PDB file of N, CA and C in Angstrom:
ATOM      1  N   MET A   1       0.852  -1.175   0.000  1.00  0.00           N
ATOM      2  CA  MET A   1       0.000   0.000   0.000  1.00  0.00           C
ATOM      3  C   MET A   1       0.893   1.232   0.000  1.00  0.00           C
ATOM      4  N   PHE A   2       0.507   2.216  -0.798  1.00  0.00           N
ATOM      5  CA  PHE A   2       1.166   3.509  -0.826  1.00  0.00           C
ATOM      6  C   PHE A   2       0.185   4.516  -0.263  1.00  0.00           C
ATOM      7  N   ASN A   3       0.496   5.060   0.920  1.00  0.00           N
ATOM      8  CA  ASN A   3      -0.418   5.909   1.662  1.00  0.00           C
ATOM      9  C   ASN A   3       0.176   7.307   1.762  1.00  0.00           C
ATOM     10  N   PHE A   4      -0.416   8.282   1.058  1.00  0.00           N
ATOM     11  CA  PHE A   4       0.050   9.662   1.134  1.00  0.00           C
ATOM     12  C   PHE A   4      -0.322  10.275   2.485  1.00  0.00           C
ATOM     13  N   GLU A   5      -0.003  11.557   2.661  1.00  0.00           N
ATOM     14  CA  GLU A   5      -0.178  12.235   3.947  1.00  0.00           C
ATOM     15  C   GLU A   5      -1.633  12.614   4.234  1.00  0.00           C
ATOM     16  N   ILE A   6      -1.896  12.880   5.494  1.00  0.00           N
ATOM     17  CA  ILE A   6      -3.149  13.413   6.027  1.00  0.00           C
ATOM     18  C   ILE A   6      -4.356  12.514   5.729  1.00  0.00           C
ATOM     19  N   ASN A   7      -4.189  11.234   5.790  1.00  0.00           N
ATOM     20  CA  ASN A   7      -5.311  10.304   5.663  1.00  0.00           C
ATOM     21  C   ASN A   7      -5.742   9.849   7.041  1.00  0.00           C
ATOM     22  N   VAL A   8      -7.043   9.672   7.225  1.00  0.00           N
ATOM     23  CA  VAL A   8      -7.574   9.088   8.451  1.00  0.00           C
ATOM     24  C   VAL A   8      -7.981   7.664   8.103  1.00  0.00           C
ATOM     25  N   ILE A   9      -7.264   6.722   8.649  1.00  0.00           N
ATOM     26  CA  ILE A   9      -7.573   5.310   8.425  1.00  0.00           C
ATOM     27  C   ILE A   9      -7.887   4.720   9.798  1.00  0.00           C
ATOM     28  N   GLN A  10      -9.154   4.435  10.013  1.00  0.00           N
ATOM     29  CA  GLN A  10      -9.628   4.008  11.323  1.00  0.00           C
ATOM     30  C   GLN A  10      -9.257   2.547  11.612  1.00  0.00           C
ATOM     31  N   PRO A  11      -9.430   2.121  12.869  1.00  0.00           N
ATOM     32  CA  PRO A  11      -9.077   0.752  13.247  1.00  0.00           C
ATOM     33  C   PRO A  11      -9.803  -0.302  12.428  1.00  0.00           C
ATOM     34  N   PHE A  12      -9.123  -1.410  12.269  1.00  0.00           N
ATOM     35  CA  PHE A  12      -9.630  -2.626  11.640  1.00  0.00           C
ATOM     36  C   PHE A  12      -9.857  -2.479  10.136  1.00  0.00           C
ATOM     37  N   VAL A  13      -9.257  -1.473   9.504  1.00  0.00           N
ATOM     38  CA  VAL A  13      -9.286  -1.363   8.036  1.00  0.00           C
ATOM     39  C   VAL A  13      -8.270  -2.354   7.490  1.00  0.00           C
ATOM     40  N   LYS A  14      -8.677  -3.099   6.461  1.00  0.00           N
ATOM     41  CA  LYS A  14      -7.781  -4.063   5.807  1.00  0.00           C
ATOM     42  C   LYS A  14      -7.520  -3.579   4.386  1.00  0.00           C
ATOM     43  N   HIS A  15      -6.301  -3.804   3.912  1.00  0.00           N
ATOM     44  CA  HIS A  15      -5.956  -3.454   2.538  1.00  0.00           C
ATOM     45  C   HIS A  15      -5.053  -4.532   1.958  1.00  0.00           C
ATOM     46  N   GLU A  16      -5.116  -4.677   0.648  1.00  0.00           N
ATOM     47  CA  GLU A  16      -4.288  -5.658  -0.042  1.00  0.00           C
ATOM     48  C   GLU A  16      -3.184  -4.954  -0.817  1.00  0.00           C
ATOM     49  N   ASP A  17      -2.378  -5.708  -1.538  1.00  0.00           N
ATOM     50  CA  ASP A  17      -1.243  -5.170  -2.290  1.00  0.00           C
ATOM     51  C   ASP A  17      -1.673  -4.216  -3.395  1.00  0.00           C
ATOM     52  N   GLY A  18      -0.827  -3.246  -3.670  1.00  0.00           N
ATOM     53  CA  GLY A  18      -1.011  -2.362  -4.807  1.00  0.00           C
ATOM     54  C   GLY A  18      -2.048  -1.273  -4.614  1.00  0.00           C
ATOM     55  N   VAL A  19      -2.479  -1.016  -3.392  1.00  0.00           N
ATOM     56  CA  VAL A  19      -3.465   0.026  -3.128  1.00  0.00           C
ATOM     57  C   VAL A  19      -2.749   1.371  -3.007  1.00  0.00           C
ATOM     58  N   ILE A  20      -3.293   2.395  -3.667  1.00  0.00           N
ATOM     59  CA  ILE A  20      -2.771   3.757  -3.550  1.00  0.00           C
ATOM     60  C   ILE A  20      -3.865   4.611  -2.935  1.00  0.00           C
ATOM     61  N   ILE A  21      -3.523   5.272  -1.823  1.00  0.00           N
ATOM     62  CA  ILE A  21      -4.459   6.168  -1.141  1.00  0.00           C
ATOM     63  C   ILE A  21      -3.829   7.549  -1.151  1.00  0.00           C
ATOM     64  N   TRP A  22      -4.367   8.434  -1.964  1.00  0.00           N
ATOM     65  CA  TRP A  22      -3.842   9.788  -2.114  1.00  0.00           C
ATOM     66  C   TRP A  22      -4.121  10.599  -0.847  1.00  0.00           C
ATOM     67  N   THR A  23      -3.991  11.876  -0.868  1.00  0.00           N
ATOM     68  CA  THR A  23      -4.021  12.744   0.307  1.00  0.00           C
ATOM     69  C   THR A  23      -5.430  13.055   0.807  1.00  0.00           C
ATOM     70  N   GLY A  24      -5.597  13.104   2.133  1.00  0.00           N
ATOM     71  CA  GLY A  24      -6.774  13.687   2.768  1.00  0.00           C
ATOM     72  C   GLY A  24      -8.051  12.873   2.712  1.00  0.00           C
ATOM     73  N   ASN A  25      -7.967  11.576   2.795  1.00  0.00           N
ATOM     74  CA  ASN A  25      -9.153  10.712   2.754  1.00  0.00           C
ATOM     75  C   ASN A  25      -9.555  10.259   4.147  1.00  0.00           C
ATOM     76  N   VAL A  26     -10.804   9.807   4.274  1.00  0.00           N
ATOM     77  CA  VAL A  26     -11.267   9.154   5.494  1.00  0.00           C
ATOM     78  C   VAL A  26     -11.742   7.764   5.104  1.00  0.00           C
ATOM     79  N   ILE A  27     -11.105   6.759   5.691  1.00  0.00           N
ATOM     80  CA  ILE A  27     -11.504   5.370   5.464  1.00  0.00           C
ATOM     81  C   ILE A  27     -11.889   4.819   6.835  1.00  0.00           C
ATOM     82  N   SER A  28     -13.173   4.538   6.989  1.00  0.00           N
ATOM     83  CA  SER A  28     -13.709   4.212   8.311  1.00  0.00           C
ATOM     84  C   SER A  28     -13.543   2.735   8.666  1.00  0.00           C
ATOM     85  N   HIS A  29     -13.774   2.462   9.922  1.00  0.00           N
ATOM     86  CA  HIS A  29     -13.573   1.168  10.576  1.00  0.00           C
ATOM     87  C   HIS A  29     -14.107  -0.025   9.793  1.00  0.00           C
ATOM     88  N   HIS A  30     -13.395  -1.126   9.898  1.00  0.00           N
ATOM     89  CA  HIS A  30     -13.798  -2.420   9.350  1.00  0.00           C
ATOM     90  C   HIS A  30     -14.011  -2.422   7.839  1.00  0.00           C
ATOM     91  N   SER A  31     -13.437  -1.472   7.140  1.00  0.00           N
ATOM     92  CA  SER A  31     -13.523  -1.468   5.675  1.00  0.00           C
ATOM     93  C   SER A  31     -12.393  -2.294   5.095  1.00  0.00           C
ATOM     94  N   THR A  32     -12.609  -2.796   3.879  1.00  0.00           N
ATOM     95  CA  THR A  32     -11.602  -3.585   3.179  1.00  0.00           C
ATOM     96  C   THR A  32     -11.377  -2.983   1.806  1.00  0.00           C
ATOM     97  N   ILE A  33     -10.119  -2.748   1.477  1.00  0.00           N
ATOM     98  CA  ILE A  33      -9.765  -2.255   0.152  1.00  0.00           C
ATOM     99  C   ILE A  33      -8.883  -3.319  -0.494  1.00  0.00           C
ATOM    100  N   MET A  34      -9.413  -3.927  -1.547  1.00  0.00           N
ATOM    101  CA  MET A  34      -8.723  -5.042  -2.194  1.00  0.00           C
ATOM    102  C   MET A  34      -7.670  -4.538  -3.175  1.00  0.00           C
ATOM    103  N   LYS A  35      -6.927  -5.454  -3.762  1.00  0.00           N
ATOM    104  CA  LYS A  35      -5.714  -5.136  -4.518  1.00  0.00           C
ATOM    105  C   LYS A  35      -5.927  -4.170  -5.684  1.00  0.00           C
ATOM    106  N   HIS A  36      -4.891  -3.361  -5.877  1.00  0.00           N
ATOM    107  CA  HIS A  36      -4.751  -2.454  -7.021  1.00  0.00           C
ATOM    108  C   HIS A  36      -5.885  -1.446  -7.169  1.00  0.00           C
ATOM    109  N   CYS A  37      -6.363  -0.913  -6.049  1.00  0.00           N
ATOM    110  CA  CYS A  37      -7.336   0.175  -6.086  1.00  0.00           C
ATOM    111  C   CYS A  37      -6.612   1.503  -5.968  1.00  0.00           C
ATOM    112  N   PHE A  38      -7.174   2.533  -6.557  1.00  0.00           N
ATOM    113  CA  PHE A  38      -6.618   3.880  -6.492  1.00  0.00           C
ATOM    114  C   PHE A  38      -7.691   4.784  -5.914  1.00  0.00           C
ATOM    115  N   ILE A  39      -7.393   5.396  -4.777  1.00  0.00           N
ATOM    116  CA  ILE A  39      -8.331   6.293  -4.106  1.00  0.00           C
ATOM    117  C   ILE A  39      -7.735   7.685  -4.147  1.00  0.00           C
ATOM    118  N   VAL A  40      -8.391   8.587  -4.878  1.00  0.00           N
ATOM    119  CA  VAL A  40      -7.914   9.955  -5.056  1.00  0.00           C
ATOM    120  C   VAL A  40      -8.243  10.766  -3.805  1.00  0.00           C
ATOM    121  N   SER A  41      -7.813  11.999  -3.751  1.00  0.00           N
ATOM    122  CA  SER A  41      -7.935  12.863  -2.570  1.00  0.00           C
ATOM    123  C   SER A  41      -9.377  13.140  -2.141  1.00  0.00           C
ATOM    124  N   HIS A  42      -9.525  13.277  -0.839  1.00  0.00           N
ATOM    125  CA  HIS A  42     -10.730  13.778  -0.172  1.00  0.00           C
ATOM    126  C   HIS A  42     -11.973  12.914  -0.379  1.00  0.00           C
ATOM    127  N   THR A  43     -11.775  11.606  -0.423  1.00  0.00           N
ATOM    128  CA  THR A  43     -12.926  10.714  -0.472  1.00  0.00           C
ATOM    129  C   THR A  43     -13.328  10.336   0.951  1.00  0.00           C
ATOM    130  N   ALA A  44     -14.569   9.934   1.106  1.00  0.00           N
ATOM    131  CA  ALA A  44     -15.074   9.462   2.397  1.00  0.00           C
ATOM    132  C   ALA A  44     -15.648   8.068   2.195  1.00  0.00           C
ATOM    133  N   ILE A  45     -15.034   7.097   2.835  1.00  0.00           N
ATOM    134  CA  ILE A  45     -15.487   5.710   2.740  1.00  0.00           C
ATOM    135  C   ILE A  45     -15.963   5.313   4.132  1.00  0.00           C
ATOM    136  N   ALA A  46     -17.259   5.083   4.267  1.00  0.00           N
ATOM    137  CA  ALA A  46     -17.849   4.792   5.573  1.00  0.00           C
ATOM    138  C   ALA A  46     -17.501   3.385   6.031  1.00  0.00           C
ATOM    139  N   GLY A  47     -17.826   3.105   7.287  1.00  0.00           N
ATOM    140  CA  GLY A  47     -17.457   1.841   7.905  1.00  0.00           C
ATOM    141  C   GLY A  47     -18.068   0.613   7.266  1.00  0.00           C
ATOM    142  N   ASN A  48     -17.321  -0.485   7.396  1.00  0.00           N
ATOM    143  CA  ASN A  48     -17.781  -1.800   6.954  1.00  0.00           C
ATOM    144  C   ASN A  48     -18.025  -1.864   5.448  1.00  0.00           C
ATOM    145  N   THR A  49     -17.257  -1.089   4.703  1.00  0.00           N
ATOM    146  CA  THR A  49     -17.383  -1.024   3.249  1.00  0.00           C
ATOM    147  C   THR A  49     -16.300  -1.894   2.608  1.00  0.00           C
ATOM    148  N   THR A  50     -16.614  -2.481   1.456  1.00  0.00           N
ATOM    149  CA  THR A  50     -15.632  -3.265   0.714  1.00  0.00           C
ATOM    150  C   THR A  50     -15.452  -2.655  -0.667  1.00  0.00           C
ATOM    151  N   ILE A  51     -14.210  -2.374  -1.012  1.00  0.00           N
ATOM    152  CA  ILE A  51     -13.847  -1.915  -2.354  1.00  0.00           C
ATOM    153  C   ILE A  51     -13.106  -3.078  -3.006  1.00  0.00           C
ATOM    154  N   GLU A  52     -13.727  -3.694  -4.017  1.00  0.00           N
ATOM    155  CA  GLU A  52     -13.137  -4.863  -4.670  1.00  0.00           C
ATOM    156  C   GLU A  52     -11.978  -4.451  -5.587  1.00  0.00           C
ATOM    157  N   PRO A  53     -11.200  -5.410  -6.108  1.00  0.00           N
ATOM    158  CA  PRO A  53      -9.979  -5.091  -6.864  1.00  0.00           C
ATOM    159  C   PRO A  53     -10.205  -4.200  -8.088  1.00  0.00           C
ATOM    160  N   TYR A  54      -9.161  -3.435  -8.385  1.00  0.00           N
ATOM    161  CA  TYR A  54      -9.036  -2.621  -9.599  1.00  0.00           C
ATOM    162  C   TYR A  54     -10.083  -1.509  -9.713  1.00  0.00           C
ATOM    163  N   CYS A  55     -10.466  -0.928  -8.588  1.00  0.00           N
ATOM    164  CA  CYS A  55     -11.414   0.188  -8.607  1.00  0.00           C
ATOM    165  C   CYS A  55     -10.679   1.521  -8.552  1.00  0.00           C
ATOM    166  N   PHE A  56     -11.311   2.531  -9.110  1.00  0.00           N
ATOM    167  CA  PHE A  56     -10.832   3.911  -9.040  1.00  0.00           C
ATOM    168  C   PHE A  56     -11.915   4.726  -8.357  1.00  0.00           C
ATOM    169  N   ILE A  57     -11.545   5.431  -7.294  1.00  0.00           N
ATOM    170  CA  ILE A  57     -12.489   6.273  -6.553  1.00  0.00           C
ATOM    171  C   ILE A  57     -12.026   7.716  -6.716  1.00  0.00           C
ATOM    172  N   GLY A  58     -12.834   8.551  -7.366  1.00  0.00           N
ATOM    173  CA  GLY A  58     -12.466   9.919  -7.698  1.00  0.00           C
ATOM    174  C   GLY A  58     -12.562  10.898  -6.536  1.00  0.00           C
ATOM    175  N   MET A  59     -12.023  12.076  -6.750  1.00  0.00           N
ATOM    176  CA  MET A  59     -11.953  13.120  -5.734  1.00  0.00           C
ATOM    177  C   MET A  59     -13.334  13.482  -5.189  1.00  0.00           C
ATOM    178  N   ASN A  60     -13.409  13.590  -3.863  1.00  0.00           N
ATOM    179  CA  ASN A  60     -14.623  13.969  -3.143  1.00  0.00           C
ATOM    180  C   ASN A  60     -15.778  12.986  -3.304  1.00  0.00           C
ATOM    181  N   ALA A  61     -15.501  11.766  -3.709  1.00  0.00           N
ATOM    182  CA  ALA A  61     -16.553  10.745  -3.749  1.00  0.00           C
ATOM    183  C   ALA A  61     -16.871  10.309  -2.322  1.00  0.00           C
ATOM    184  N   THR A  62     -18.105   9.856  -2.127  1.00  0.00           N
ATOM    185  CA  THR A  62     -18.542   9.376  -0.820  1.00  0.00           C
ATOM    186  C   THR A  62     -19.184   8.012  -1.006  1.00  0.00           C
ATOM    187  N   ILE A  63     -18.808   7.072  -0.144  1.00  0.00           N
ATOM    188  CA  ILE A  63     -19.375   5.726  -0.208  1.00  0.00           C
ATOM    189  C   ILE A  63     -19.984   5.411   1.156  1.00  0.00           C
ATOM    190  N   ARG A  64     -21.252   5.083   1.141  1.00  0.00           N
ATOM    191  CA  ARG A  64     -22.032   4.825   2.354  1.00  0.00           C
ATOM    192  C   ARG A  64     -21.545   3.559   3.069  1.00  0.00           C
ATOM    193  N   ASN A  65     -21.862   3.452   4.347  1.00  0.00           N
ATOM    194  CA  ASN A  65     -21.446   2.294   5.138  1.00  0.00           C
ATOM    195  C   ASN A  65     -22.078   0.998   4.627  1.00  0.00           C
ATOM    196  N   SER A  66     -21.337  -0.072   4.797  1.00  0.00           N
ATOM    197  CA  SER A  66     -21.774  -1.437   4.465  1.00  0.00           C
ATOM    198  C   SER A  66     -22.098  -1.627   2.992  1.00  0.00           C
ATOM    199  N   VAL A  67     -21.441  -0.853   2.127  1.00  0.00           N
ATOM    200  CA  VAL A  67     -21.624  -0.974   0.674  1.00  0.00           C
ATOM    201  C   VAL A  67     -20.462  -1.771   0.090  1.00  0.00           C
ATOM    202  N   ARG A  68     -20.752  -2.528  -0.958  1.00  0.00           N
ATOM    203  CA  ARG A  68     -19.714  -3.252  -1.688  1.00  0.00           C
ATOM    204  C   ARG A  68     -19.586  -2.610  -3.072  1.00  0.00           C
ATOM    205  N   VAL A  69     -18.399  -2.061  -3.355  1.00  0.00           N
ATOM    206  CA  VAL A  69     -18.102  -1.537  -4.681  1.00  0.00           C
ATOM    207  C   VAL A  69     -17.449  -2.686  -5.448  1.00  0.00           C
ATOM    208  N   ALA A  70     -18.122  -3.155  -6.489  1.00  0.00           N
ATOM    209  CA  ALA A  70     -17.690  -4.346  -7.214  1.00  0.00           C
ATOM    210  C   ALA A  70     -16.417  -4.099  -8.023  1.00  0.00           C
ATOM    211  N   LYS A  71     -15.799  -5.165  -8.428  1.00  0.00           N
ATOM    212  CA  LYS A  71     -14.536  -5.174  -9.159  1.00  0.00           C
ATOM    213  C   LYS A  71     -14.581  -4.263 -10.399  1.00  0.00           C
ATOM    214  N   GLU A  72     -13.491  -3.510 -10.579  1.00  0.00           N
ATOM    215  CA  GLU A  72     -13.243  -2.684 -11.766  1.00  0.00           C
ATOM    216  C   GLU A  72     -14.243  -1.553 -11.967  1.00  0.00           C
ATOM    217  N   CYS A  73     -14.808  -1.039 -10.889  1.00  0.00           N
ATOM    218  CA  CYS A  73     -15.705   0.111 -10.995  1.00  0.00           C
ATOM    219  C   CYS A  73     -14.910   1.412 -11.003  1.00  0.00           C
ATOM    220  N   VAL A  74     -15.485   2.428 -11.630  1.00  0.00           N
ATOM    221  CA  VAL A  74     -14.946   3.780 -11.600  1.00  0.00           C
ATOM    222  C   VAL A  74     -16.006   4.665 -10.971  1.00  0.00           C
ATOM    223  N   ILE A  75     -15.636   5.287  -9.866  1.00  0.00           N
ATOM    224  CA  ILE A  75     -16.534   6.206  -9.168  1.00  0.00           C
ATOM    225  C   ILE A  75     -15.989   7.606  -9.414  1.00  0.00           C
ATOM    226  N   GLY A  76     -16.710   8.411 -10.146  1.00  0.00           N
ATOM    227  CA  GLY A  76     -16.241   9.737 -10.538  1.00  0.00           C
ATOM    228  C   GLY A  76     -16.227  10.731  -9.397  1.00  0.00           C
ATOM    229  N   ALA A  77     -15.562  11.844  -9.641  1.00  0.00           N
ATOM    230  CA  ALA A  77     -15.432  12.916  -8.656  1.00  0.00           C
ATOM    231  C   ALA A  77     -16.801  13.378  -8.170  1.00  0.00           C
ATOM    232  N   GLY A  78     -16.934  13.495  -6.859  1.00  0.00           N
ATOM    233  CA  GLY A  78     -18.146  14.035  -6.264  1.00  0.00           C
ATOM    234  C   GLY A  78     -19.340  13.102  -6.233  1.00  0.00           C
ATOM    235  N   TYR A  79     -19.194  11.884  -6.715  1.00  0.00           N
ATOM    236  CA  TYR A  79     -20.335  10.976  -6.762  1.00  0.00           C
ATOM    237  C   TYR A  79     -20.579  10.365  -5.380  1.00  0.00           C
ATOM    238  N   VAL A  80     -21.842  10.068  -5.068  1.00  0.00           N
ATOM    239  CA  VAL A  80     -22.222   9.447  -3.807  1.00  0.00           C
ATOM    240  C   VAL A  80     -22.781   8.064  -4.101  1.00  0.00           C
ATOM    241  N   ILE A  81     -22.165   7.051  -3.509  1.00  0.00           N
ATOM    242  CA  ILE A  81     -22.612   5.668  -3.688  1.00  0.00           C
ATOM    243  C   ILE A  81     -23.383   5.259  -2.437  1.00  0.00           C
ATOM    244  N   LEU A  82     -24.663   4.914  -2.611  1.00  0.00           N
ATOM    245  CA  LEU A  82     -25.524   4.543  -1.487  1.00  0.00           C
ATOM    246  C   LEU A  82     -25.869   3.060  -1.462  1.00  0.00           C
ATOM    247  N   HIS A  83     -25.604   2.346  -2.567  1.00  0.00           N
ATOM    248  CA  HIS A  83     -25.964   0.933  -2.673  1.00  0.00           C
ATOM    249  C   HIS A  83     -24.818   0.167  -3.337  1.00  0.00           C
ATOM    250  N   ASP A  84     -24.825  -1.151  -3.209  1.00  0.00           N
ATOM    251  CA  ASP A  84     -23.823  -1.986  -3.864  1.00  0.00           C
ATOM    252  C   ASP A  84     -23.799  -1.713  -5.364  1.00  0.00           C
ATOM    253  N   THR A  85     -22.621  -1.865  -5.962  1.00  0.00           N
ATOM    254  CA  THR A  85     -22.481  -1.695  -7.407  1.00  0.00           C
ATOM    255  C   THR A  85     -22.284  -3.059  -8.069  1.00  0.00           C
ATOM    256  N   ASN A  86     -22.318  -3.065  -9.399  1.00  0.00           N
ATOM    257  CA  ASN A  86     -22.020  -4.261 -10.181  1.00  0.00           C
ATOM    258  C   ASN A  86     -20.668  -4.069 -10.861  1.00  0.00           C
ATOM    259  N   GLU A  87     -20.037  -5.168 -11.252  1.00  0.00           N
ATOM    260  CA  GLU A  87     -18.716  -5.101 -11.880  1.00  0.00           C
ATOM    261  C   GLU A  87     -18.673  -4.147 -13.065  1.00  0.00           C
ATOM    262  N   LYS A  88     -17.577  -3.411 -13.145  1.00  0.00           N
ATOM    263  CA  LYS A  88     -17.221  -2.553 -14.281  1.00  0.00           C
ATOM    264  C   LYS A  88     -18.169  -1.378 -14.519  1.00  0.00           C
ATOM    265  N   GLU A  89     -18.965  -1.022 -13.524  1.00  0.00           N
ATOM    266  CA  GLU A  89     -19.838   0.137 -13.691  1.00  0.00           C
ATOM    267  C   GLU A  89     -19.043   1.429 -13.546  1.00  0.00           C
ATOM    268  N   VAL A  90     -19.523   2.464 -14.225  1.00  0.00           N
ATOM    269  CA  VAL A  90     -18.897   3.789 -14.172  1.00  0.00           C
ATOM    270  C   VAL A  90     -19.952   4.773 -13.683  1.00  0.00           C
ATOM    271  N   TYR A  91     -19.591   5.559 -12.674  1.00  0.00           N
ATOM    272  CA  TYR A  91     -20.499   6.540 -12.082  1.00  0.00           C
ATOM    273  C   TYR A  91     -19.895   7.927 -12.259  1.00  0.00           C
ATOM    274  N   ALA A  92     -20.660   8.841 -12.831  1.00  0.00           N
ATOM    275  CA  ALA A  92     -20.200  10.213 -13.035  1.00  0.00           C
ATOM    276  C   ALA A  92     -21.251  11.167 -12.509  1.00  0.00           C
ATOM    277  N   ALA A  93     -20.813  12.120 -11.689  1.00  0.00           N
ATOM    278  CA  ALA A  93     -21.731  13.115 -11.132  1.00  0.00           C
ATOM    279  C   ALA A  93     -22.169  14.085 -12.215  1.00  0.00           C
ATOM    280  N   HIS A  94     -23.373  14.603 -12.068  1.00  0.00           N
ATOM    281  CA  HIS A  94     -23.873  15.622 -12.981  1.00  0.00           C
ATOM    282  C   HIS A  94     -23.179  16.944 -12.693  1.00  0.00           C
ATOM    283  N   SER A  95     -23.086  17.781 -13.672  1.00  0.00           N
ATOM    284  CA  SER A  95     -22.495  19.099 -13.476  1.00  0.00           C
ATOM    285  C   SER A  95     -23.355  19.936 -12.544  1.00  0.00           C
ATOM    286  N   THR A  96     -22.732  20.897 -11.922  1.00  0.00           N
ATOM    287  CA  THR A  96     -23.454  21.831 -11.068  1.00  0.00           C
ATOM    288  C   THR A  96     -24.324  22.724 -11.933  1.00  0.00           C
ATOM    289  N   VAL A  97     -25.483  23.047 -11.426  1.00  0.00           N
ATOM    290  CA  VAL A  97     -26.423  23.886 -12.164  1.00  0.00           C
ATOM    291  C   VAL A  97     -26.350  25.311 -11.611  1.00  0.00           C
ATOM    292  N   LYS A  98     -26.178  26.285 -12.494  1.00  0.00           N
ATOM    293  CA  LYS A  98     -26.180  27.683 -12.092  1.00  0.00           C
ATOM    294  C   LYS A  98     -27.625  28.129 -11.960  1.00  0.00           C
ATOM    295  N   LEU A  99     -27.952  28.678 -10.807  1.00  0.00           N
ATOM    296  CA  LEU A  99     -29.319  29.152 -10.580  1.00  0.00           C
ATOM    297  C   LEU A  99     -29.506  30.532 -11.199  1.00  0.00           C
ATOM    298  N   GLU A 100     -30.732  30.841 -11.525  1.00  0.00           N
ATOM    299  CA  GLU A 100     -31.052  32.124 -12.152  1.00  0.00           C
ATOM    300  C   GLU A 100     -31.383  33.186 -11.109  1.00  0.00           C
ATOM    301  N   VAL A 101     -30.621  33.216 -10.028  1.00  0.00           N
ATOM    302  CA  VAL A 101     -30.749  34.243  -8.994  1.00  0.00           C
ATOM    303  C   VAL A 101     -29.353  34.747  -8.667  1.00  0.00           C
ATOM    304  N   THR A 102     -29.282  35.905  -8.030  1.00  0.00           N
ATOM    305  CA  THR A 102     -27.983  36.419  -7.594  1.00  0.00           C
ATOM    306  C   THR A 102     -27.755  36.072  -6.131  1.00  0.00           C
ATOM    307  N   SER A 103     -26.540  36.190  -5.695  1.00  0.00           N
ATOM    308  CA  SER A 103     -26.212  35.871  -4.305  1.00  0.00           C
ATOM    309  C   SER A 103     -26.873  36.839  -3.328  1.00  0.00           C
ATOM    310  N   ASP A 104     -27.306  37.992  -3.782  1.00  0.00           N
ATOM    311  CA  ASP A 104     -28.021  38.934  -2.910  1.00  0.00           C
ATOM    312  C   ASP A 104     -29.274  38.293  -2.316  1.00  0.00           C
ATOM    313  N   LEU A 105     -29.922  37.434  -3.079  1.00  0.00           N
ATOM    314  CA  LEU A 105     -31.143  36.779  -2.614  1.00  0.00           C
ATOM    315  C   LEU A 105     -30.858  35.903  -1.373  1.00  0.00           C
ATOM    316  N   LEU A 106     -29.688  35.353  -1.282  1.00  0.00           N
ATOM    317  CA  LEU A 106     -29.352  34.449  -0.185  1.00  0.00           C
ATOM    318  C   LEU A 106     -29.273  35.167   1.161  1.00  0.00           C
ATOM    319  N   LYS A 107     -29.004  36.454   1.143  1.00  0.00           N
ATOM    320  CA  LYS A 107     -28.918  37.215   2.401  1.00  0.00           C
ATOM    321  C   LYS A 107     -30.243  37.223   3.148  1.00  0.00           C
ATOM    322  N   ASN A 108     -31.331  37.097   2.446  1.00  0.00           N
ATOM    323  CA  ASN A 108     -32.653  37.190   3.057  1.00  0.00           C
ATOM    324  C   ASN A 108     -33.275  35.846   3.415  1.00  0.00           C
ATOM    325  N   LEU A 109     -32.562  34.789   3.223  1.00  0.00           N
ATOM    326  CA  LEU A 109     -33.113  33.455   3.531  1.00  0.00           C
ATOM    327  C   LEU A 109     -33.064  33.121   4.987  1.00  0.00           C
TER     328      LEU A 109
END
């Protein structure tokens, strides 16, 4: 495992060979990260989660507790995974939508 700086890896996390964990992630208790996964910066992986081999988890992705991310999945930046995935699925977040109001309106909320 290659573990960059400022990661929070809680007790009982298991990892296999070839895992890369970039900077500033949270990997919660009892999670398993299988071989050759790449986890980019600022992801949140909740407890009791399994990331199967050859997965890519993009920046600011969030994975709910007790979820299994199947083999060879790509989880795009900012995506939220709430349920188990199937092999080789690709998840991409939608672009942010610009609202037709100005920030002045927010002062009165």
